[in-house]
Amino acid sequence: MPGESFNLDFHSVPYYGTSPGGAHYVSARSRSQPSILVFLAQDAGTHVFCYSNADLRKGEQAEEVFQFIAFWKRTHGQLPRHLVFDSKLTTYQGLARLDKMQIPFITLRRRSPKLLKEIALLPRSAWRTIELDVPTRKYRTPRVYEQTIALAGRVLRQMFVQDLGHDEPPSC
């Protein structure tokens, strides 16, 4: 397994036993129901799941990324080279820890009303257009705005992206 980049996520698995881990949102059923929360790490190149943990308790989720990092270092002798995950995987303090550990990561931030307002107020001249070299992609020329932000005492790079075919722009 090359281990160049990892996709990290939580997944709710419906649970029908007598002692569930709690109620979590199950997307396949579009509702919250008794389920087990599972953390998964997938090698982005091979799509192989290389780590999982289904024994999570409330309050432990934000630390699970660091459990994966410790596992990867223990079994491969080095830190993961790159992580990709959504904003609910860890806290801002967790992002600061990843940055301090010098592990590159990409995360999608929550689209709060305040963040969406900030994006809407950016002048058109602040954006730059880039071209994606993906011939089959319908939206190949998104607009990007890049800035630095301070989170939990660390300075991170944040990007807003528009014209990818979504109603609301993602921020990374």
C-alpha atoms as a PDB file:
ATOM      1  CA  MET A   1       0.000   0.000   0.000  1.00  0.00           C
ATOM      2  CA  PRO A   2       1.587   3.299  -1.060  1.00  0.00           C
ATOM      3  CA  GLY A   3       0.145   5.334   1.830  1.00  0.00           C
ATOM      4  CA  GLU A   4       0.483   8.650  -0.023  1.00  0.00           C
ATOM      5  CA  SER A   5      -2.879  10.012   1.123  1.00  0.00           C
ATOM      6  CA  PHE A   6      -5.731   8.830   3.329  1.00  0.00           C
ATOM      7  CA  ASN A   7      -9.442   9.568   3.298  1.00  0.00           C
ATOM      8  CA  LEU A   8     -10.766   9.635   6.866  1.00  0.00           C
ATOM      9  CA  ASP A   9     -14.420   9.563   7.887  1.00  0.00           C
ATOM     10  CA  PHE A  10     -16.996   8.426  10.394  1.00  0.00           C
ATOM     11  CA  HIS A  11     -19.788   6.127   9.271  1.00  0.00           C
ATOM     12  CA  SER A  12     -22.928   5.164  11.176  1.00  0.00           C
ATOM     13  CA  VAL A  13     -23.851   1.492  11.011  1.00  0.00           C
ATOM     14  CA  PRO A  14     -27.420   0.626  12.124  1.00  0.00           C
ATOM     15  CA  TYR A  15     -27.475  -1.442  15.297  1.00  0.00           C
ATOM     16  CA  TYR A  16     -30.355  -3.743  16.250  1.00  0.00           C
ATOM     17  CA  GLY A  17     -28.973  -5.266  19.457  1.00  0.00           C
ATOM     18  CA  THR A  18     -29.935  -4.506  23.041  1.00  0.00           C
ATOM     19  CA  SER A  19     -27.135  -2.062  23.952  1.00  0.00           C
ATOM     20  CA  PRO A  20     -26.461   0.391  21.100  1.00  0.00           C
ATOM     21  CA  GLY A  21     -23.625   2.886  21.152  1.00  0.00           C
ATOM     22  CA  GLY A  22     -26.124   5.726  20.713  1.00  0.00           C
ATOM     23  CA  ALA A  23     -28.328   7.320  18.099  1.00  0.00           C
ATOM     24  CA  HIS A  24     -26.452   8.612  15.050  1.00  0.00           C
ATOM     25  CA  TYR A  25     -27.633   9.898  11.703  1.00  0.00           C
ATOM     26  CA  VAL A  26     -27.779   7.070   9.159  1.00  0.00           C
ATOM     27  CA  SER A  27     -27.724   8.611   5.680  1.00  0.00           C
ATOM     28  CA  ALA A  28     -29.140   5.536   3.917  1.00  0.00           C
ATOM     29  CA  ARG A  29     -32.249   5.858   6.067  1.00  0.00           C
ATOM     30  CA  SER A  30     -32.233   9.701   6.230  1.00  0.00           C
ATOM     31  CA  ARG A  31     -32.793   9.696   9.965  1.00  0.00           C
ATOM     32  CA  SER A  32     -31.184   9.252  13.346  1.00  0.00           C
ATOM     33  CA  GLN A  33     -31.467   5.744  14.758  1.00  0.00           C
ATOM     34  CA  PRO A  34     -29.587   3.400  17.108  1.00  0.00           C
ATOM     35  CA  SER A  35     -26.243   2.798  15.487  1.00  0.00           C
ATOM     36  CA  ILE A  36     -22.558   2.251  16.009  1.00  0.00           C
ATOM     37  CA  LEU A  37     -20.199   5.021  14.966  1.00  0.00           C
ATOM     38  CA  VAL A  38     -17.257   3.623  12.981  1.00  0.00           C
ATOM     39  CA  PHE A  39     -14.067   5.497  12.101  1.00  0.00           C
ATOM     40  CA  LEU A  40     -12.553   4.469   8.754  1.00  0.00           C
ATOM     41  CA  ALA A  41      -9.223   5.251   7.109  1.00  0.00           C
ATOM     42  CA  GLN A  42      -8.960   4.482   3.403  1.00  0.00           C
ATOM     43  CA  ASP A  43      -5.813   4.604   1.303  1.00  0.00           C
ATOM     44  CA  ALA A  44      -6.709   7.119  -1.407  1.00  0.00           C
ATOM     45  CA  GLY A  45      -4.615   5.431  -4.100  1.00  0.00           C
ATOM     46  CA  THR A  46      -5.756   1.833  -3.701  1.00  0.00           C
ATOM     47  CA  HIS A  47      -9.143   2.457  -1.990  1.00  0.00           C
ATOM     48  CA  VAL A  48      -8.189  -0.184   0.594  1.00  0.00           C
ATOM     49  CA  PHE A  49      -9.482   0.354   4.126  1.00  0.00           C
ATOM     50  CA  CYS A  50      -6.356   0.193   6.265  1.00  0.00           C
ATOM     51  CA  TYR A  51      -7.769   1.138   9.675  1.00  0.00           C
ATOM     52  CA  SER A  52     -11.120   1.112  11.436  1.00  0.00           C
ATOM     53  CA  ASN A  53     -12.471   1.480  14.943  1.00  0.00           C
ATOM     54  CA  ALA A  54     -16.058   0.609  15.876  1.00  0.00           C
ATOM     55  CA  ASP A  55     -15.498   0.985  19.609  1.00  0.00           C
ATOM     56  CA  LEU A  56     -15.973   4.763  19.864  1.00  0.00           C
ATOM     57  CA  ARG A  57     -17.758   6.504  22.714  1.00  0.00           C
ATOM     58  CA  LYS A  58     -19.265   9.982  22.752  1.00  0.00           C
ATOM     59  CA  GLY A  59     -16.524  12.525  23.236  1.00  0.00           C
ATOM     60  CA  GLU A  60     -13.789  10.338  21.724  1.00  0.00           C
ATOM     61  CA  GLN A  61     -14.426  11.168  18.063  1.00  0.00           C
ATOM     62  CA  ALA A  62     -12.131  14.213  17.842  1.00  0.00           C
ATOM     63  CA  GLU A  63      -9.154  12.153  19.060  1.00  0.00           C
ATOM     64  CA  GLU A  64      -9.629   9.183  16.720  1.00  0.00           C
ATOM     65  CA  VAL A  65      -7.574  10.780  13.931  1.00  0.00           C
ATOM     66  CA  PHE A  66      -4.629  10.743  16.358  1.00  0.00           C
ATOM     67  CA  GLN A  67      -5.268   7.076  17.152  1.00  0.00           C
ATOM     68  CA  PHE A  68      -4.993   6.383  13.410  1.00  0.00           C
ATOM     69  CA  ILE A  69      -1.770   8.423  13.207  1.00  0.00           C
ATOM     70  CA  ALA A  70      -0.277   6.454  16.127  1.00  0.00           C
ATOM     71  CA  PHE A  71      -1.313   3.163  14.466  1.00  0.00           C
ATOM     72  CA  TRP A  72       0.220   4.190  11.129  1.00  0.00           C
ATOM     73  CA  LYS A  73       3.479   5.281  12.753  1.00  0.00           C
ATOM     74  CA  ARG A  74       3.669   2.094  14.832  1.00  0.00           C
ATOM     75  CA  THR A  75       3.081  -0.200  11.837  1.00  0.00           C
ATOM     76  CA  HIS A  76       4.905   1.751   9.082  1.00  0.00           C
ATOM     77  CA  GLY A  77       7.567   3.679  11.001  1.00  0.00           C
ATOM     78  CA  GLN A  78       6.467   7.098   9.753  1.00  0.00           C
ATOM     79  CA  LEU A  79       3.623   9.589  10.037  1.00  0.00           C
ATOM     80  CA  PRO A  80       0.911   9.575   7.363  1.00  0.00           C
ATOM     81  CA  ARG A  81       1.950  11.785   4.440  1.00  0.00           C
ATOM     82  CA  HIS A  82      -1.437  13.396   3.772  1.00  0.00           C
ATOM     83  CA  LEU A  83      -4.960  13.331   5.237  1.00  0.00           C
ATOM     84  CA  VAL A  84      -8.328  14.289   3.732  1.00  0.00           C
ATOM     85  CA  PHE A  85     -11.453  14.597   5.900  1.00  0.00           C
ATOM     86  CA  ASP A  86     -14.478  16.758   6.614  1.00  0.00           C
ATOM     87  CA  SER A  87     -14.643  19.316   9.398  1.00  0.00           C
ATOM     88  CA  LYS A  88     -16.573  17.159  11.853  1.00  0.00           C
ATOM     89  CA  LEU A  89     -13.726  14.650  12.163  1.00  0.00           C
ATOM     90  CA  THR A  90     -11.816  16.726  14.717  1.00  0.00           C
ATOM     91  CA  THR A  91     -11.805  20.106  16.449  1.00  0.00           C
ATOM     92  CA  TYR A  92      -9.918  23.294  15.577  1.00  0.00           C
ATOM     93  CA  GLN A  93      -7.440  22.301  18.302  1.00  0.00           C
ATOM     94  CA  GLY A  94      -7.057  18.966  16.492  1.00  0.00           C
ATOM     95  CA  LEU A  95      -6.306  20.797  13.238  1.00  0.00           C
ATOM     96  CA  ALA A  96      -3.674  22.831  15.089  1.00  0.00           C
ATOM     97  CA  ARG A  97      -2.120  19.593  16.429  1.00  0.00           C
ATOM     98  CA  LEU A  98      -1.976  18.127  12.897  1.00  0.00           C
ATOM     99  CA  ASP A  99      -0.299  21.301  11.657  1.00  0.00           C
ATOM    100  CA  LYS A 100       2.197  21.214  14.540  1.00  0.00           C
ATOM    101  CA  MET A 101       2.959  17.563  13.665  1.00  0.00           C
ATOM    102  CA  GLN A 102       3.604  18.777  10.082  1.00  0.00           C
ATOM    103  CA  ILE A 103       1.066  16.371   8.587  1.00  0.00           C
ATOM    104  CA  PRO A 104      -0.453  18.013   5.501  1.00  0.00           C
ATOM    105  CA  PHE A 105      -4.252  17.827   5.449  1.00  0.00           C
ATOM    106  CA  ILE A 106      -7.262  19.035   3.529  1.00  0.00           C
ATOM    107  CA  THR A 107     -10.555  19.493   5.301  1.00  0.00           C
ATOM    108  CA  LEU A 108     -13.872  20.984   4.297  1.00  0.00           C
ATOM    109  CA  ARG A 109     -14.990  23.607   6.801  1.00  0.00           C
ATOM    110  CA  ARG A 110     -18.563  23.888   7.984  1.00  0.00           C
ATOM    111  CA  ARG A 111     -20.543  26.337   5.871  1.00  0.00           C
ATOM    112  CA  SER A 112     -21.770  28.578   8.660  1.00  0.00           C
ATOM    113  CA  PRO A 113     -23.965  31.580   7.811  1.00  0.00           C
ATOM    114  CA  LYS A 114     -21.038  33.835   8.810  1.00  0.00           C
ATOM    115  CA  LEU A 115     -18.644  32.025   6.434  1.00  0.00           C
ATOM    116  CA  LEU A 116     -21.167  32.094   3.565  1.00  0.00           C
ATOM    117  CA  LYS A 117     -21.673  35.851   4.116  1.00  0.00           C
ATOM    118  CA  GLU A 118     -17.891  36.382   4.025  1.00  0.00           C
ATOM    119  CA  ILE A 119     -17.719  34.545   0.697  1.00  0.00           C
ATOM    120  CA  ALA A 120     -20.661  36.489  -0.754  1.00  0.00           C
ATOM    121  CA  LEU A 121     -19.054  39.816   0.169  1.00  0.00           C
ATOM    122  CA  LEU A 122     -15.780  39.074  -1.655  1.00  0.00           C
ATOM    123  CA  PRO A 123     -15.410  41.263  -4.753  1.00  0.00           C
ATOM    124  CA  ARG A 124     -15.262  39.448  -8.085  1.00  0.00           C
ATOM    125  CA  SER A 125     -11.733  40.799  -8.593  1.00  0.00           C
ATOM    126  CA  ALA A 126     -10.517  38.888  -5.485  1.00  0.00           C
ATOM    127  CA  TRP A 127     -11.103  35.541  -7.196  1.00  0.00           C
ATOM    128  CA  ARG A 128      -8.733  33.887  -9.657  1.00  0.00           C
ATOM    129  CA  THR A 129      -9.819  31.354 -12.260  1.00  0.00           C
ATOM    130  CA  ILE A 130      -7.936  28.095 -12.532  1.00  0.00           C
ATOM    131  CA  GLU A 131      -8.207  25.274 -15.069  1.00  0.00           C
ATOM    132  CA  LEU A 132      -8.594  21.655 -14.006  1.00  0.00           C
ATOM    133  CA  ASP A 133      -6.880  19.220 -16.362  1.00  0.00           C
ATOM    134  CA  VAL A 134      -9.733  16.694 -16.361  1.00  0.00           C
ATOM    135  CA  PRO A 135     -11.123  16.426 -19.916  1.00  0.00           C
ATOM    136  CA  THR A 136     -14.327  14.654 -18.883  1.00  0.00           C
ATOM    137  CA  ARG A 137     -15.168  17.139 -16.114  1.00  0.00           C
ATOM    138  CA  LYS A 138     -18.131  19.426 -16.844  1.00  0.00           C
ATOM    139  CA  TYR A 139     -16.932  22.292 -14.606  1.00  0.00           C
ATOM    140  CA  ARG A 140     -13.248  22.707 -15.504  1.00  0.00           C
ATOM    141  CA  THR A 141     -12.631  26.389 -14.649  1.00  0.00           C
ATOM    142  CA  PRO A 142     -13.512  27.062 -11.009  1.00  0.00           C
ATOM    143  CA  ARG A 143     -12.764  30.351  -9.291  1.00  0.00           C
ATOM    144  CA  VAL A 144     -10.563  30.276  -6.182  1.00  0.00           C
ATOM    145  CA  TYR A 145      -9.955  32.720  -3.338  1.00  0.00           C
ATOM    146  CA  GLU A 146      -7.105  31.982  -0.938  1.00  0.00           C
ATOM    147  CA  GLN A 147      -6.386  33.520   2.458  1.00  0.00           C
ATOM    148  CA  THR A 148      -4.625  32.704   5.695  1.00  0.00           C
ATOM    149  CA  ILE A 149      -6.549  32.244   8.929  1.00  0.00           C
ATOM    150  CA  ALA A 150      -5.586  31.743  12.553  1.00  0.00           C
ATOM    151  CA  LEU A 151      -7.106  28.713  14.291  1.00  0.00           C
ATOM    152  CA  ALA A 152      -6.119  27.613  17.785  1.00  0.00           C
ATOM    153  CA  GLY A 153      -2.861  29.561  17.629  1.00  0.00           C
ATOM    154  CA  ARG A 154      -1.778  28.237  14.210  1.00  0.00           C
ATOM    155  CA  VAL A 155      -1.830  30.002  10.840  1.00  0.00           C
ATOM    156  CA  LEU A 156      -3.485  27.878   8.158  1.00  0.00           C
ATOM    157  CA  ARG A 157      -4.275  28.381   4.483  1.00  0.00           C
ATOM    158  CA  GLN A 158      -7.960  28.510   3.586  1.00  0.00           C
ATOM    159  CA  MET A 159      -9.422  28.405   0.097  1.00  0.00           C
ATOM    160  CA  PHE A 160     -12.913  29.162  -1.155  1.00  0.00           C
ATOM    161  CA  VAL A 161     -13.897  27.526  -4.429  1.00  0.00           C
ATOM    162  CA  GLN A 162     -16.790  28.492  -6.711  1.00  0.00           C
ATOM    163  CA  ASP A 163     -18.116  27.257 -10.044  1.00  0.00           C
ATOM    164  CA  LEU A 164     -17.676  23.547  -9.371  1.00  0.00           C
ATOM    165  CA  GLY A 165     -21.338  22.848 -10.077  1.00  0.00           C
ATOM    166  CA  HIS A 166     -22.491  23.164  -6.440  1.00  0.00           C
ATOM    167  CA  ASP A 167     -25.045  25.650  -5.104  1.00  0.00           C
ATOM    168  CA  GLU A 168     -22.796  26.764  -2.260  1.00  0.00           C
ATOM    169  CA  PRO A 169     -18.993  27.118  -2.459  1.00  0.00           C
ATOM    170  CA  PRO A 170     -16.879  24.718  -0.443  1.00  0.00           C
ATOM    171  CA  SER A 171     -14.113  26.086   1.735  1.00  0.00           C
ATOM    172  CA  CYS A 172     -10.974  24.082   2.470  1.00  0.00           C
END
